[in-house]
PDB file of N, CA and C in Angstrom:
ATOM      1  N   UNK A   1     -40.946  68.256  66.295  1.00  0.00           N
ATOM      2  CA  UNK A   1     -41.843  67.187  66.725  1.00  0.00           C
ATOM      3  C   UNK A   1     -41.192  65.840  66.373  1.00  0.00           C
ATOM      4  N   UNK A   2     -41.224  64.893  67.305  1.00  0.00           N
ATOM      5  CA  UNK A   2     -40.587  63.598  67.025  1.00  0.00           C
ATOM      6  C   UNK A   2     -41.358  62.805  65.964  1.00  0.00           C
ATOM      7  N   UNK A   3     -40.608  61.975  65.276  1.00  0.00           N
ATOM      8  CA  UNK A   3     -41.201  61.157  64.219  1.00  0.00           C
ATOM      9  C   UNK A   3     -42.069  60.078  64.862  1.00  0.00           C
ATOM     10  N   UNK A   4     -43.262  59.924  64.319  1.00  0.00           N
ATOM     11  CA  UNK A   4     -44.185  58.939  64.882  1.00  0.00           C
ATOM     12  C   UNK A   4     -44.271  57.725  63.957  1.00  0.00           C
ATOM     13  N   UNK A   5     -43.900  56.587  64.485  1.00  0.00           N
ATOM     14  CA  UNK A   5     -44.051  55.348  63.708  1.00  0.00           C
ATOM     15  C   UNK A   5     -45.059  54.464  64.425  1.00  0.00           C
ATOM     16  N   UNK A   6     -45.948  53.886  63.685  1.00  0.00           N
ATOM     17  CA  UNK A   6     -46.989  53.071  64.308  1.00  0.00           C
ATOM     18  C   UNK A   6     -46.472  51.645  64.490  1.00  0.00           C
ATOM     19  N   UNK A   7     -45.689  51.460  65.533  1.00  0.00           N
ATOM     20  CA  UNK A   7     -45.056  50.167  65.786  1.00  0.00           C
ATOM     21  C   UNK A   7     -46.087  49.084  66.080  1.00  0.00           C
ATOM     22  N   UNK A   8     -47.182  49.469  66.697  1.00  0.00           N
ATOM     23  CA  UNK A   8     -48.214  48.488  67.054  1.00  0.00           C
ATOM     24  C   UNK A   8     -48.791  47.850  65.789  1.00  0.00           C
ATOM     25  N   UNK A   9     -49.122  48.676  64.802  1.00  0.00           N
ATOM     26  CA  UNK A   9     -49.703  48.163  63.559  1.00  0.00           C
ATOM     27  C   UNK A   9     -48.681  47.349  62.771  1.00  0.00           C
ATOM     28  N   UNK A  10     -47.429  47.824  62.749  1.00  0.00           N
ATOM     29  CA  UNK A  10     -46.366  47.104  62.027  1.00  0.00           C
ATOM     30  C   UNK A  10     -46.163  45.721  62.627  1.00  0.00           C
ATOM     31  N   UNK A  11     -46.098  45.703  63.935  1.00  0.00           N
ATOM     32  CA  UNK A  11     -45.888  44.428  64.645  1.00  0.00           C
ATOM     33  C   UNK A  11     -47.058  43.473  64.377  1.00  0.00           C
ATOM     34  N   UNK A  12     -48.268  44.006  64.414  1.00  0.00           N
ATOM     35  CA  UNK A  12     -49.459  43.172  64.188  1.00  0.00           C
ATOM     36  C   UNK A  12     -49.442  42.595  62.773  1.00  0.00           C
ATOM     37  N   UNK A  13     -49.050  43.425  61.804  1.00  0.00           N
ATOM     38  CA  UNK A  13     -48.985  42.982  60.407  1.00  0.00           C
ATOM     39  C   UNK A  13     -47.969  41.847  60.262  1.00  0.00           C
ATOM     40  N   UNK A  14     -46.808  42.013  60.896  1.00  0.00           N
ATOM     41  CA  UNK A  14     -45.767  40.987  60.824  1.00  0.00           C
ATOM     42  C   UNK A  14     -46.204  39.709  61.526  1.00  0.00           C
ATOM     43  N   UNK A  15     -46.858  39.873  62.678  1.00  0.00           N
ATOM     44  CA  UNK A  15     -47.341  38.695  63.414  1.00  0.00           C
ATOM     45  C   UNK A  15     -48.339  37.907  62.575  1.00  0.00           C
ATOM     46  N   UNK A  16     -49.185  38.646  61.860  1.00  0.00           N
ATOM     47  CA  UNK A  16     -50.200  38.001  61.028  1.00  0.00           C
ATOM     48  C   UNK A  16     -49.542  37.141  59.939  1.00  0.00           C
ATOM     49  N   UNK A  17     -48.517  37.712  59.294  1.00  0.00           N
ATOM     50  CA  UNK A  17     -47.819  36.986  58.226  1.00  0.00           C
ATOM     51  C   UNK A  17     -47.070  35.784  58.798  1.00  0.00           C
ATOM     52  N   UNK A  18     -46.400  35.970  59.932  1.00  0.00           N
ATOM     53  CA  UNK A  18     -45.660  34.863  60.542  1.00  0.00           C
ATOM     54  C   UNK A  18     -46.603  33.755  61.016  1.00  0.00           C
ATOM     55  N   UNK A  19     -47.798  34.144  61.418  1.00  0.00           N
ATOM     56  CA  UNK A  19     -48.787  33.129  61.807  1.00  0.00           C
ATOM     57  C   UNK A  19     -49.216  32.319  60.589  1.00  0.00           C
ATOM     58  N   UNK A  20     -49.350  32.996  59.426  1.00  0.00           N
ATOM     59  CA  UNK A  20     -49.706  32.289  58.201  1.00  0.00           C
ATOM     60  C   UNK A  20     -48.589  31.360  57.744  1.00  0.00           C
ATOM     61  N   UNK A  21     -47.343  31.661  58.135  1.00  0.00           N
ATOM     62  CA  UNK A  21     -46.187  30.854  57.730  1.00  0.00           C
ATOM     63  C   UNK A  21     -45.963  29.675  58.672  1.00  0.00           C
ATOM     64  N   UNK A  22     -46.845  29.501  59.627  1.00  0.00           N
ATOM     65  CA  UNK A  22     -46.702  28.403  60.576  1.00  0.00           C
ATOM     66  C   UNK A  22     -46.698  27.077  59.829  1.00  0.00           C
ATOM     67  N   UNK A  23     -45.731  26.221  60.151  1.00  0.00           N
ATOM     68  CA  UNK A  23     -45.638  24.932  59.484  1.00  0.00           C
ATOM     69  C   UNK A  23     -44.667  24.929  58.316  1.00  0.00           C
ATOM     70  N   UNK A  24     -44.201  26.111  57.904  1.00  0.00           N
ATOM     71  CA  UNK A  24     -43.200  26.169  56.838  1.00  0.00           C
ATOM     72  C   UNK A  24     -41.873  25.675  57.402  1.00  0.00           C
ATOM     73  N   UNK A  25     -40.941  25.300  56.511  1.00  0.00           N
ATOM     74  CA  UNK A  25     -39.670  24.706  56.926  1.00  0.00           C
ATOM     75  C   UNK A  25     -38.557  25.753  57.006  1.00  0.00           C
ATOM     76  N   UNK A  26     -37.715  25.624  58.005  1.00  0.00           N
ATOM     77  CA  UNK A  26     -36.524  26.467  58.113  1.00  0.00           C
ATOM     78  C   UNK A  26     -36.854  27.923  58.384  1.00  0.00           C
ATOM     79  N   UNK A  27     -36.093  28.828  57.744  1.00  0.00           N
ATOM     80  CA  UNK A  27     -36.261  30.263  57.993  1.00  0.00           C
ATOM     81  C   UNK A  27     -37.575  30.788  57.443  1.00  0.00           C
ATOM     82  N   UNK A  28     -38.215  30.016  56.595  1.00  0.00           N
ATOM     83  CA  UNK A  28     -39.479  30.460  56.006  1.00  0.00           C
ATOM     84  C   UNK A  28     -40.558  30.665  57.073  1.00  0.00           C
ATOM     85  N   UNK A  29     -40.388  30.035  58.233  1.00  0.00           N
ATOM     86  CA  UNK A  29     -41.425  30.143  59.264  1.00  0.00           C
ATOM     87  C   UNK A  29     -41.179  31.243  60.293  1.00  0.00           C
ATOM     88  N   UNK A  30     -39.915  31.713  60.412  1.00  0.00           N
ATOM     89  CA  UNK A  30     -39.668  32.651  61.514  1.00  0.00           C
ATOM     90  C   UNK A  30     -38.836  33.882  61.174  1.00  0.00           C
ATOM     91  N   UNK A  31     -38.348  34.011  59.950  1.00  0.00           N
ATOM     92  CA  UNK A  31     -37.612  35.210  59.561  1.00  0.00           C
ATOM     93  C   UNK A  31     -38.549  36.054  58.693  1.00  0.00           C
ATOM     94  N   UNK A  32     -38.777  37.288  59.118  1.00  0.00           N
ATOM     95  CA  UNK A  32     -39.802  38.134  58.511  1.00  0.00           C
ATOM     96  C   UNK A  32     -39.675  38.236  56.997  1.00  0.00           C
ATOM     97  N   UNK A  33     -38.495  38.606  56.486  1.00  0.00           N
ATOM     98  CA  UNK A  33     -38.364  38.858  55.051  1.00  0.00           C
ATOM     99  C   UNK A  33     -38.564  37.584  54.238  1.00  0.00           C
ATOM    100  N   UNK A  34     -38.074  36.469  54.744  1.00  0.00           N
ATOM    101  CA  UNK A  34     -38.222  35.192  54.034  1.00  0.00           C
ATOM    102  C   UNK A  34     -39.674  34.721  54.126  1.00  0.00           C
ATOM    103  N   UNK A  35     -40.254  34.823  55.318  1.00  0.00           N
ATOM    104  CA  UNK A  35     -41.636  34.373  55.534  1.00  0.00           C
ATOM    105  C   UNK A  35     -42.621  35.178  54.698  1.00  0.00           C
ATOM    106  N   UNK A  36     -42.371  36.484  54.588  1.00  0.00           N
ATOM    107  CA  UNK A  36     -43.264  37.353  53.812  1.00  0.00           C
ATOM    108  C   UNK A  36     -43.339  36.876  52.363  1.00  0.00           C
ATOM    109  N   UNK A  37     -42.169  36.602  51.770  1.00  0.00           N
ATOM    110  CA  UNK A  37     -42.134  36.124  50.386  1.00  0.00           C
ATOM    111  C   UNK A  37     -42.774  34.750  50.253  1.00  0.00           C
ATOM    112  N   UNK A  38     -42.507  33.880  51.219  1.00  0.00           N
ATOM    113  CA  UNK A  38     -43.045  32.517  51.173  1.00  0.00           C
ATOM    114  C   UNK A  38     -44.566  32.523  51.280  1.00  0.00           C
ATOM    115  N   UNK A  39     -45.094  33.359  52.170  1.00  0.00           N
ATOM    116  CA  UNK A  39     -46.545  33.450  52.348  1.00  0.00           C
ATOM    117  C   UNK A  39     -47.195  34.034  51.099  1.00  0.00           C
ATOM    118  N   UNK A  40     -46.559  35.053  50.517  1.00  0.00           N
ATOM    119  CA  UNK A  40     -47.089  35.674  49.300  1.00  0.00           C
ATOM    120  C   UNK A  40     -47.196  34.641  48.171  1.00  0.00           C
ATOM    121  N   UNK A  41     -46.137  33.844  48.018  1.00  0.00           N
ATOM    122  CA  UNK A  41     -46.115  32.815  46.975  1.00  0.00           C
ATOM    123  C   UNK A  41     -47.157  31.733  47.282  1.00  0.00           C
ATOM    124  N   UNK A  42     -47.275  31.380  48.558  1.00  0.00           N
ATOM    125  CA  UNK A  42     -48.252  30.367  48.959  1.00  0.00           C
ATOM    126  C   UNK A  42     -49.669  30.822  48.640  1.00  0.00           C
ATOM    127  N   UNK A  43     -49.930  32.115  48.837  1.00  0.00           N
ATOM    128  CA  UNK A  43     -51.253  32.664  48.526  1.00  0.00           C
ATOM    129  C   UNK A  43     -51.540  32.587  47.026  1.00  0.00           C
ATOM    130  N   UNK A  44     -50.512  32.826  46.206  1.00  0.00           N
ATOM    131  CA  UNK A  44     -50.685  32.716  44.754  1.00  0.00           C
ATOM    132  C   UNK A  44     -51.010  31.278  44.367  1.00  0.00           C
ATOM    133  N   UNK A  45     -50.278  30.332  44.970  1.00  0.00           N
ATOM    134  CA  UNK A  45     -50.533  28.920  44.688  1.00  0.00           C
ATOM    135  C   UNK A  45     -51.944  28.524  45.125  1.00  0.00           C
ATOM    136  N   UNK A  46     -52.361  29.034  46.268  1.00  0.00           N
ATOM    137  CA  UNK A  46     -53.685  28.697  46.793  1.00  0.00           C
ATOM    138  C   UNK A  46     -54.782  29.226  45.877  1.00  0.00           C
ATOM    139  N   UNK A  47     -54.610  30.457  45.401  1.00  0.00           N
ATOM    140  CA  UNK A  47     -55.592  31.057  44.491  1.00  0.00           C
ATOM    141  C   UNK A  47     -55.689  30.240  43.212  1.00  0.00           C
ATOM    142  N   UNK A  48     -54.528  29.921  42.645  1.00  0.00           N
ATOM    143  CA  UNK A  48     -54.495  29.144  41.407  1.00  0.00           C
ATOM    144  C   UNK A  48     -55.069  27.742  41.634  1.00  0.00           C
ATOM    145  N   UNK A  49     -54.761  27.180  42.807  1.00  0.00           N
ATOM    146  CA  UNK A  49     -55.232  25.839  43.133  1.00  0.00           C
ATOM    147  C   UNK A  49     -56.740  25.746  43.221  1.00  0.00           C
ATOM    148  N   UNK A  50     -57.391  26.807  43.691  1.00  0.00           N
ATOM    149  CA  UNK A  50     -58.853  26.791  43.781  1.00  0.00           C
ATOM    150  C   UNK A  50     -59.478  26.718  42.400  1.00  0.00           C
ATOM    151  N   UNK A  51     -58.832  27.336  41.405  1.00  0.00           N
ATOM    152  CA  UNK A  51     -59.336  27.267  40.022  1.00  0.00           C
ATOM    153  C   UNK A  51     -59.050  25.887  39.425  1.00  0.00           C
ATOM    154  N   UNK A  52     -57.845  25.358  39.697  1.00  0.00           N
ATOM    155  CA  UNK A  52     -57.447  24.057  39.149  1.00  0.00           C
ATOM    156  C   UNK A  52     -58.325  22.935  39.685  1.00  0.00           C
ATOM    157  N   UNK A  53     -58.732  23.062  40.944  1.00  0.00           N
ATOM    158  CA  UNK A  53     -59.558  22.037  41.570  1.00  0.00           C
ATOM    159  C   UNK A  53     -60.855  21.838  40.795  1.00  0.00           C
ATOM    160  N   UNK A  54     -61.461  22.935  40.375  1.00  0.00           N
ATOM    161  CA  UNK A  54     -62.703  22.871  39.603  1.00  0.00           C
ATOM    162  C   UNK A  54     -62.463  22.172  38.272  1.00  0.00           C
ATOM    163  N   UNK A  55     -61.336  22.527  37.616  1.00  0.00           N
ATOM    164  CA  UNK A  55     -60.969  21.898  36.345  1.00  0.00           C
ATOM    165  C   UNK A  55     -60.778  20.397  36.502  1.00  0.00           C
ATOM    166  N   UNK A  56     -60.037  20.033  37.558  1.00  0.00           N
ATOM    167  CA  UNK A  56     -59.708  18.625  37.770  1.00  0.00           C
ATOM    168  C   UNK A  56     -60.954  17.792  38.045  1.00  0.00           C
ATOM    169  N   UNK A  57     -61.873  18.337  38.840  1.00  0.00           N
ATOM    170  CA  UNK A  57     -63.091  17.597  39.144  1.00  0.00           C
ATOM    171  C   UNK A  57     -63.961  17.426  37.904  1.00  0.00           C
ATOM    172  N   UNK A  58     -64.057  18.480  37.092  1.00  0.00           N
ATOM    173  CA  UNK A  58     -64.844  18.374  35.861  1.00  0.00           C
ATOM    174  C   UNK A  58     -64.263  17.291  34.953  1.00  0.00           C
ATOM    175  N   UNK A  59     -62.937  17.254  34.834  1.00  0.00           N
ATOM    176  CA  UNK A  59     -62.279  16.237  34.013  1.00  0.00           C
ATOM    177  C   UNK A  59     -62.557  14.833  34.559  1.00  0.00           C
ATOM    178  N   UNK A  60     -62.531  14.684  35.877  1.00  0.00           N
ATOM    179  CA  UNK A  60     -62.813  13.396  36.503  1.00  0.00           C
ATOM    180  C   UNK A  60     -64.247  12.956  36.217  1.00  0.00           C
ATOM    181  N   UNK A  61     -65.201  13.891  36.349  1.00  0.00           N
ATOM    182  CA  UNK A  61     -66.597  13.564  36.074  1.00  0.00           C
ATOM    183  C   UNK A  61     -66.777  13.134  34.631  1.00  0.00           C
ATOM    184  N   UNK A  62     -66.134  13.837  33.697  1.00  0.00           N
ATOM    185  CA  UNK A  62     -66.259  13.496  32.282  1.00  0.00           C
ATOM    186  C   UNK A  62     -65.711  12.097  32.028  1.00  0.00           C
ATOM    187  N   UNK A  63     -64.573  11.763  32.650  1.00  0.00           N
ATOM    188  CA  UNK A  63     -64.008  10.413  32.505  1.00  0.00           C
ATOM    189  C   UNK A  63     -64.967   9.349  32.997  1.00  0.00           C
ATOM    190  N   UNK A  64     -65.587   9.593  34.127  1.00  0.00           N
ATOM    191  CA  UNK A  64     -66.509   8.605  34.704  1.00  0.00           C
ATOM    192  C   UNK A  64     -67.765   8.446  33.861  1.00  0.00           C
ATOM    193  N   UNK A  65     -68.285   9.563  33.359  1.00  0.00           N
ATOM    194  CA  UNK A  65     -69.474   9.499  32.494  1.00  0.00           C
ATOM    195  C   UNK A  65     -69.129   8.755  31.210  1.00  0.00           C
ATOM    196  N   UNK A  66     -67.967   9.048  30.645  1.00  0.00           N
ATOM    197  CA  UNK A  66     -67.520   8.397  29.419  1.00  0.00           C
ATOM    198  C   UNK A  66     -67.415   6.895  29.619  1.00  0.00           C
ATOM    199  N   UNK A  67     -66.822   6.475  30.735  1.00  0.00           N
ATOM    200  CA  UNK A  67     -66.684   5.043  31.024  1.00  0.00           C
ATOM    201  C   UNK A  67     -68.062   4.391  31.153  1.00  0.00           C
ATOM    202  N   UNK A  68     -68.978   5.070  31.844  1.00  0.00           N
ATOM    203  CA  UNK A  68     -70.330   4.525  32.008  1.00  0.00           C
ATOM    204  C   UNK A  68     -71.083   4.460  30.690  1.00  0.00           C
ATOM    205  N   UNK A  69     -70.940   5.483  29.861  1.00  0.00           N
ATOM    206  CA  UNK A  69     -71.645   5.531  28.577  1.00  0.00           C
ATOM    207  C   UNK A  69     -71.117   4.456  27.630  1.00  0.00           C
ATOM    208  N   UNK A  70     -69.817   4.240  27.633  1.00  0.00           N
ATOM    209  CA  UNK A  70     -69.219   3.247  26.733  1.00  0.00           C
ATOM    210  C   UNK A  70     -69.655   1.826  27.071  1.00  0.00           C
ATOM    211  N   UNK A  71     -70.008   1.572  28.307  1.00  0.00           N
ATOM    212  CA  UNK A  71     -70.538   0.253  28.683  1.00  0.00           C
ATOM    213  C   UNK A  71     -71.882  -0.021  28.004  1.00  0.00           C
ATOM    214  N   UNK A  72     -72.548   1.063  27.591  1.00  0.00           N
ATOM    215  CA  UNK A  72     -73.848   0.941  26.935  1.00  0.00           C
ATOM    216  C   UNK A  72     -73.765   1.315  25.458  1.00  0.00           C
ATOM    217  N   UNK A  73     -72.555   1.311  24.902  1.00  0.00           N
ATOM    218  CA  UNK A  73     -72.377   1.500  23.471  1.00  0.00           C
ATOM    219  C   UNK A  73     -72.470   2.938  22.980  1.00  0.00           C
ATOM    220  N   UNK A  74     -72.218   3.903  23.844  1.00  0.00           N
ATOM    221  CA  UNK A  74     -72.230   5.319  23.452  1.00  0.00           C
ATOM    222  C   UNK A  74     -70.901   5.948  23.837  1.00  0.00           C
ATOM    223  N   UNK A  75     -70.482   6.951  23.068  1.00  0.00           N
ATOM    224  CA  UNK A  75     -69.339   7.738  23.495  1.00  0.00           C
ATOM    225  C   UNK A  75     -69.867   8.866  24.398  1.00  0.00           C
ATOM    226  N   UNK A  76     -68.930   9.555  25.039  1.00  0.00           N
ATOM    227  CA  UNK A  76     -69.320  10.654  25.930  1.00  0.00           C
ATOM    228  C   UNK A  76     -70.079  11.735  25.166  1.00  0.00           C
ATOM    229  N   UNK A  77     -69.557  12.117  23.994  1.00  0.00           N
ATOM    230  CA  UNK A  77     -70.174  13.217  23.249  1.00  0.00           C
ATOM    231  C   UNK A  77     -71.559  12.828  22.728  1.00  0.00           C
ATOM    232  N   UNK A  78     -71.700  11.580  22.288  1.00  0.00           N
ATOM    233  CA  UNK A  78     -73.022  11.109  21.843  1.00  0.00           C
ATOM    234  C   UNK A  78     -74.010  11.131  23.012  1.00  0.00           C
ATOM    235  N   UNK A  79     -73.546  10.639  24.141  1.00  0.00           N
ATOM    236  CA  UNK A  79     -74.386  10.580  25.342  1.00  0.00           C
ATOM    237  C   UNK A  79     -74.855  11.967  25.757  1.00  0.00           C
ATOM    238  N   UNK A  80     -73.930  12.927  25.811  1.00  0.00           N
ATOM    239  CA  UNK A  80     -74.291  14.282  26.231  1.00  0.00           C
ATOM    240  C   UNK A  80     -75.208  14.939  25.199  1.00  0.00           C
ATOM    241  N   UNK A  81     -74.959  14.672  23.936  1.00  0.00           N
ATOM    242  CA  UNK A  81     -75.821  15.213  22.882  1.00  0.00           C
ATOM    243  C   UNK A  81     -77.241  14.697  22.997  1.00  0.00           C
ATOM    244  N   UNK A  82     -77.388  13.393  23.252  1.00  0.00           N
ATOM    245  CA  UNK A  82     -78.721  12.804  23.418  1.00  0.00           C
ATOM    246  C   UNK A  82     -79.421  13.337  24.666  1.00  0.00           C
ATOM    247  N   UNK A  83     -78.650  13.575  25.726  1.00  0.00           N
ATOM    248  CA  UNK A  83     -79.235  14.159  26.948  1.00  0.00           C
ATOM    249  C   UNK A  83     -79.841  15.529  26.654  1.00  0.00           C
ATOM    250  N   UNK A  84     -79.080  16.354  25.935  1.00  0.00           N
ATOM    251  CA  UNK A  84     -79.564  17.704  25.614  1.00  0.00           C
ATOM    252  C   UNK A  84     -80.800  17.634  24.725  1.00  0.00           C
ATOM    253  N   UNK A  85     -80.770  16.715  23.763  1.00  0.00           N
ATOM    254  CA  UNK A  85     -81.880  16.574  22.815  1.00  0.00           C
ATOM    255  C   UNK A  85     -83.164  16.148  23.529  1.00  0.00           C
ATOM    256  N   UNK A  86     -83.008  15.297  24.565  1.00  0.00           N
ATOM    257  CA  UNK A  86     -84.166  14.808  25.321  1.00  0.00           C
ATOM    258  C   UNK A  86     -84.506  15.681  26.526  1.00  0.00           C
ATOM    259  N   UNK A  87     -83.882  16.844  26.624  1.00  0.00           N
ATOM    260  CA  UNK A  87     -84.142  17.814  27.706  1.00  0.00           C
ATOM    261  C   UNK A  87     -83.974  17.218  29.103  1.00  0.00           C
ATOM    262  N   UNK A  88     -82.963  16.393  29.262  1.00  0.00           N
ATOM    263  CA  UNK A  88     -82.637  15.869  30.600  1.00  0.00           C
ATOM    264  C   UNK A  88     -81.523  16.749  31.154  1.00  0.00           C
ATOM    265  N   UNK A  89     -81.852  17.519  32.184  1.00  0.00           N
ATOM    266  CA  UNK A  89     -80.912  18.494  32.710  1.00  0.00           C
ATOM    267  C   UNK A  89     -80.260  17.996  33.994  1.00  0.00           C
ATOM    268  N   UNK A  90     -79.372  17.018  33.844  1.00  0.00           N
ATOM    269  CA  UNK A  90     -78.567  16.553  34.966  1.00  0.00           C
ATOM    270  C   UNK A  90     -77.148  17.041  34.729  1.00  0.00           C
ATOM    271  N   UNK A  91     -76.531  17.582  35.776  1.00  0.00           N
ATOM    272  CA  UNK A  91     -75.161  18.076  35.591  1.00  0.00           C
ATOM    273  C   UNK A  91     -74.158  16.923  35.634  1.00  0.00           C
ATOM    274  N   UNK A  92     -72.936  17.219  35.253  1.00  0.00           N
ATOM    275  CA  UNK A  92     -71.902  16.193  35.138  1.00  0.00           C
ATOM    276  C   UNK A  92     -71.577  15.548  36.480  1.00  0.00           C
ATOM    277  N   UNK A  93     -71.660  16.333  37.543  1.00  0.00           N
ATOM    278  CA  UNK A  93     -71.361  15.797  38.871  1.00  0.00           C
ATOM    279  C   UNK A  93     -72.344  14.683  39.231  1.00  0.00           C
ATOM    280  N   UNK A  94     -73.619  14.934  38.997  1.00  0.00           N
ATOM    281  CA  UNK A  94     -74.663  13.948  39.315  1.00  0.00           C
ATOM    282  C   UNK A  94     -74.547  12.738  38.397  1.00  0.00           C
ATOM    283  N   UNK A  95     -74.340  12.980  37.102  1.00  0.00           N
ATOM    284  CA  UNK A  95     -74.205  11.877  36.144  1.00  0.00           C
ATOM    285  C   UNK A  95     -73.019  10.984  36.492  1.00  0.00           C
ATOM    286  N   UNK A  96     -71.910  11.589  36.883  1.00  0.00           N
ATOM    287  CA  UNK A  96     -70.720  10.819  37.261  1.00  0.00           C
ATOM    288  C   UNK A  96     -70.998   9.970  38.493  1.00  0.00           C
ATOM    289  N   UNK A  97     -71.726  10.536  39.458  1.00  0.00           N
ATOM    290  CA  UNK A  97     -72.069   9.787  40.670  1.00  0.00           C
ATOM    291  C   UNK A  97     -72.965   8.604  40.328  1.00  0.00           C
ATOM    292  N   UNK A  98     -73.934   8.835  39.437  1.00  0.00           N
ATOM    293  CA  UNK A  98     -74.814   7.739  39.025  1.00  0.00           C
ATOM    294  C   UNK A  98     -74.032   6.655  38.298  1.00  0.00           C
ATOM    295  N   UNK A  99     -73.149   7.047  37.390  1.00  0.00           N
ATOM    296  CA  UNK A  99     -72.363   6.082  36.620  1.00  0.00           C
ATOM    297  C   UNK A  99     -71.476   5.249  37.533  1.00  0.00           C
ATOM    298  N   UNK A 100     -70.958   5.880  38.569  1.00  0.00           N
ATOM    299  CA  UNK A 100     -70.015   5.204  39.461  1.00  0.00           C
ATOM    300  C   UNK A 100     -70.723   4.352  40.519  1.00  0.00           C
ATOM    301  N   UNK A 101     -71.700   4.943  41.197  1.00  0.00           N
ATOM    302  CA  UNK A 101     -72.286   4.294  42.382  1.00  0.00           C
ATOM    303  C   UNK A 101     -73.659   3.677  42.165  1.00  0.00           C
ATOM    304  N   UNK A 102     -74.377   4.082  41.102  1.00  0.00           N
ATOM    305  CA  UNK A 102     -75.721   3.569  40.843  1.00  0.00           C
ATOM    306  C   UNK A 102     -75.857   3.200  39.365  1.00  0.00           C
ATOM    307  N   UNK A 103     -75.166   2.126  38.939  1.00  0.00           N
ATOM    308  CA  UNK A 103     -75.166   1.795  37.508  1.00  0.00           C
ATOM    309  C   UNK A 103     -76.549   1.490  36.944  1.00  0.00           C
ATOM    310  N   UNK A 104     -77.451   0.976  37.784  1.00  0.00           N
ATOM    311  CA  UNK A 104     -78.801   0.669  37.294  1.00  0.00           C
ATOM    312  C   UNK A 104     -79.573   1.954  36.968  1.00  0.00           C
ATOM    313  N   UNK A 105     -79.381   2.991  37.775  1.00  0.00           N
ATOM    314  CA  UNK A 105     -80.013   4.285  37.497  1.00  0.00           C
ATOM    315  C   UNK A 105     -79.413   4.915  36.243  1.00  0.00           C
ATOM    316  N   UNK A 106     -78.103   4.774  36.078  1.00  0.00           N
ATOM    317  CA  UNK A 106     -77.434   5.308  34.889  1.00  0.00           C
ATOM    318  C   UNK A 106     -77.938   4.578  33.645  1.00  0.00           C
ATOM    319  N   UNK A 107     -78.142   3.252  33.766  1.00  0.00           N
ATOM    320  CA  UNK A 107     -78.654   2.467  32.642  1.00  0.00           C
ATOM    321  C   UNK A 107     -80.056   2.916  32.269  1.00  0.00           C
ATOM    322  N   UNK A 108     -80.873   3.265  33.273  1.00  0.00           N
ATOM    323  CA  UNK A 108     -82.209   3.745  33.020  1.00  0.00           C
ATOM    324  C   UNK A 108     -82.188   5.045  32.215  1.00  0.00           C
ATOM    325  N   UNK A 109     -81.233   5.921  32.526  1.00  0.00           N
ATOM    326  CA  UNK A 109     -81.092   7.171  31.776  1.00  0.00           C
ATOM    327  C   UNK A 109     -80.689   6.873  30.332  1.00  0.00           C
ATOM    328  N   UNK A 110     -79.720   5.955  30.167  1.00  0.00           N
ATOM    329  CA  UNK A 110     -79.278   5.594  28.801  1.00  0.00           C
ATOM    330  C   UNK A 110     -80.427   5.001  28.006  1.00  0.00           C
ATOM    331  N   UNK A 111     -81.218   4.126  28.642  1.00  0.00           N
ATOM    332  CA  UNK A 111     -82.364   3.515  27.941  1.00  0.00           C
ATOM    333  C   UNK A 111     -83.398   4.569  27.548  1.00  0.00           C
ATOM    334  N   UNK A 112     -83.572   5.550  28.389  1.00  0.00           N
ATOM    335  CA  UNK A 112     -84.559   6.605  28.113  1.00  0.00           C
ATOM    336  C   UNK A 112     -84.153   7.467  26.914  1.00  0.00           C
ATOM    337  N   UNK A 113     -82.855   7.738  26.776  1.00  0.00           N
ATOM    338  CA  UNK A 113     -82.435   8.625  25.693  1.00  0.00           C
ATOM    339  C   UNK A 113     -82.169   7.911  24.377  1.00  0.00           C
ATOM    340  N   UNK A 114     -82.030   6.586  24.414  1.00  0.00           N
ATOM    341  CA  UNK A 114     -81.740   5.854  23.168  1.00  0.00           C
ATOM    342  C   UNK A 114     -82.963   5.786  22.285  1.00  0.00           C
TER     343      UNK A 114
END
């Protein structure tokens, strides 16, 4: 019996990877073995990047809250501690937005917890 290879599935798999490599430079976009490795590495970077993005945004929010709190004579840690003590449950994203774009609302929160 002749050997059966599923060329259709193999070709589809390769096409899928080469499609993902679209926009890569040089042989990375059109040579199967190079593109396969490049796409694999790109996927690792993308996965890691999704985690880093969350970290980076949290750090940015903390910086903005800290800057807003210091204008009213509090450090970031003092401010967050007073928020918890007064049972004000606003997350860092919202607090950072208030500190940046609505300073009067942020001042109202600081006055309430002092």
